[in-house]
Amino acid sequence: MKQKEIIWKEISILNCSANAYPSGKPYKKQMLQGKVFPTTKEQAIAFVSMGCLLGILNSEDVKVVEKVFNKHGLKGEYNMYAASNMLNS
């Protein structure tokens, strides 16, 4: 489903999985746990080469992901995770 198709039970104010780490800060352990969204070229290369995936996403995570995707002309596809208020990308 697309971002506009999501019906949230509640709106989050804090990220769950799409956390951004500044360049130079240690991030690989958290990235393997699905809690880091790559925002630099170095992080994106590590994300792909380590086979990482984002963990479950809440409404704030989707905003962060879509903001970066839109900057590059991309759109996210999301799947509902069980019967909760979380998504997988």
Protein backbone atom coordinates (compact mmCIF):
# COMPACT_ATOMS: atom_id res chain seq x y z
CA MET A 1 0.00 0.00 0.00
CA LYS A 2 1.08 3.60 -0.56
CA GLN A 3 1.51 6.21 2.17
CA LYS A 4 -1.81 7.88 1.33
CA GLU A 5 -3.68 4.55 1.65
CA ILE A 6 -2.60 3.93 5.25
CA ILE A 7 -5.24 4.40 7.93
CA TRP A 8 -3.47 4.92 11.27
CA LYS A 9 -5.09 4.02 14.59
CA GLU A 10 -2.78 6.53 16.26
CA ILE A 11 -0.18 9.03 15.08
CA SER A 12 3.31 8.69 16.52
CA ILE A 13 5.55 11.57 17.47
CA LEU A 14 8.78 9.54 17.77
CA ASN A 15 10.48 7.24 15.27
CA CYS A 16 10.55 3.52 15.89
CA SER A 17 12.85 2.18 13.16
CA ALA A 18 13.74 4.99 10.74
CA ASN A 19 16.35 6.69 12.90
CA ALA A 20 19.02 8.81 11.21
CA TYR A 21 22.62 8.70 12.40
CA PRO A 22 25.03 11.51 11.45
CA SER A 23 28.03 10.65 9.34
CA GLY A 24 30.88 9.30 11.45
CA LYS A 25 28.72 8.05 14.34
CA PRO A 26 28.67 4.27 15.01
CA TYR A 27 25.51 2.81 13.48
CA LYS A 28 26.17 -0.71 12.14
CA LYS A 29 24.89 -2.64 15.19
CA GLN A 30 21.63 -0.65 15.20
CA MET A 31 21.39 -0.98 11.43
CA LEU A 32 21.56 -4.79 11.70
CA GLN A 33 18.70 -4.58 14.22
CA GLY A 34 16.57 -2.66 11.68
CA LYS A 35 16.63 0.62 13.60
CA VAL A 36 18.62 2.87 11.23
CA PHE A 37 17.48 4.43 7.98
CA PRO A 38 20.54 5.19 5.82
CA THR A 39 20.90 8.89 5.03
CA THR A 40 24.46 9.04 3.70
CA LYS A 41 26.14 7.25 0.80
CA GLU A 42 28.38 5.30 3.21
CA GLN A 43 25.37 4.18 5.27
CA ALA A 44 23.40 3.20 2.15
CA ILE A 45 26.30 1.04 0.91
CA ALA A 46 26.59 -0.64 4.34
CA PHE A 47 22.79 -1.13 4.49
CA VAL A 48 22.73 -2.96 1.16
CA SER A 49 25.99 -4.90 1.60
CA MET A 50 24.97 -6.20 5.06
CA GLY A 51 21.52 -7.21 3.76
CA CYS A 52 19.71 -4.99 6.28
CA LEU A 53 16.00 -4.32 6.41
CA LEU A 54 14.07 -1.73 8.37
CA GLY A 55 12.12 -3.04 11.33
CA ILE A 56 8.48 -2.25 11.89
CA LEU A 57 7.49 1.31 11.05
CA ASN A 58 5.10 3.71 12.74
CA SER A 59 3.57 6.86 11.27
CA GLU A 60 6.61 9.04 12.02
CA ASP A 61 8.92 6.47 10.41
CA VAL A 62 6.86 6.57 7.22
CA LYS A 63 7.14 10.37 7.13
CA VAL A 64 10.94 10.14 7.42
CA VAL A 65 11.23 7.43 4.76
CA GLU A 66 8.91 9.22 2.34
CA LYS A 67 10.77 12.53 2.79
CA VAL A 68 14.05 10.92 1.72
CA PHE A 69 12.41 8.85 -1.03
CA ASN A 70 10.60 11.89 -2.49
CA LYS A 71 13.91 13.77 -2.61
CA HIS A 72 15.14 11.06 -5.02
CA GLY A 73 11.88 10.62 -6.93
CA LEU A 74 10.94 7.31 -5.24
CA LYS A 75 7.76 6.12 -3.48
CA GLY A 76 7.57 3.59 -0.66
CA GLU A 77 5.46 0.42 -0.64
CA TYR A 78 4.24 -0.75 2.77
CA ASN A 79 2.57 -3.87 4.19
CA MET A 80 0.48 -4.00 7.35
CA TYR A 81 2.19 -5.98 10.11
CA ALA A 82 -0.28 -8.32 11.82
CA ALA A 83 -3.26 -6.42 13.28
CA SER A 84 -1.17 -3.73 14.92
CA ASN A 85 -0.53 -0.13 14.00
CA MET A 86 2.88 -0.93 12.51
CA LEU A 87 4.08 -1.47 8.93
CA ASN A 88 6.87 -3.18 7.05
CA SER A 89 8.49 -1.39 4.13
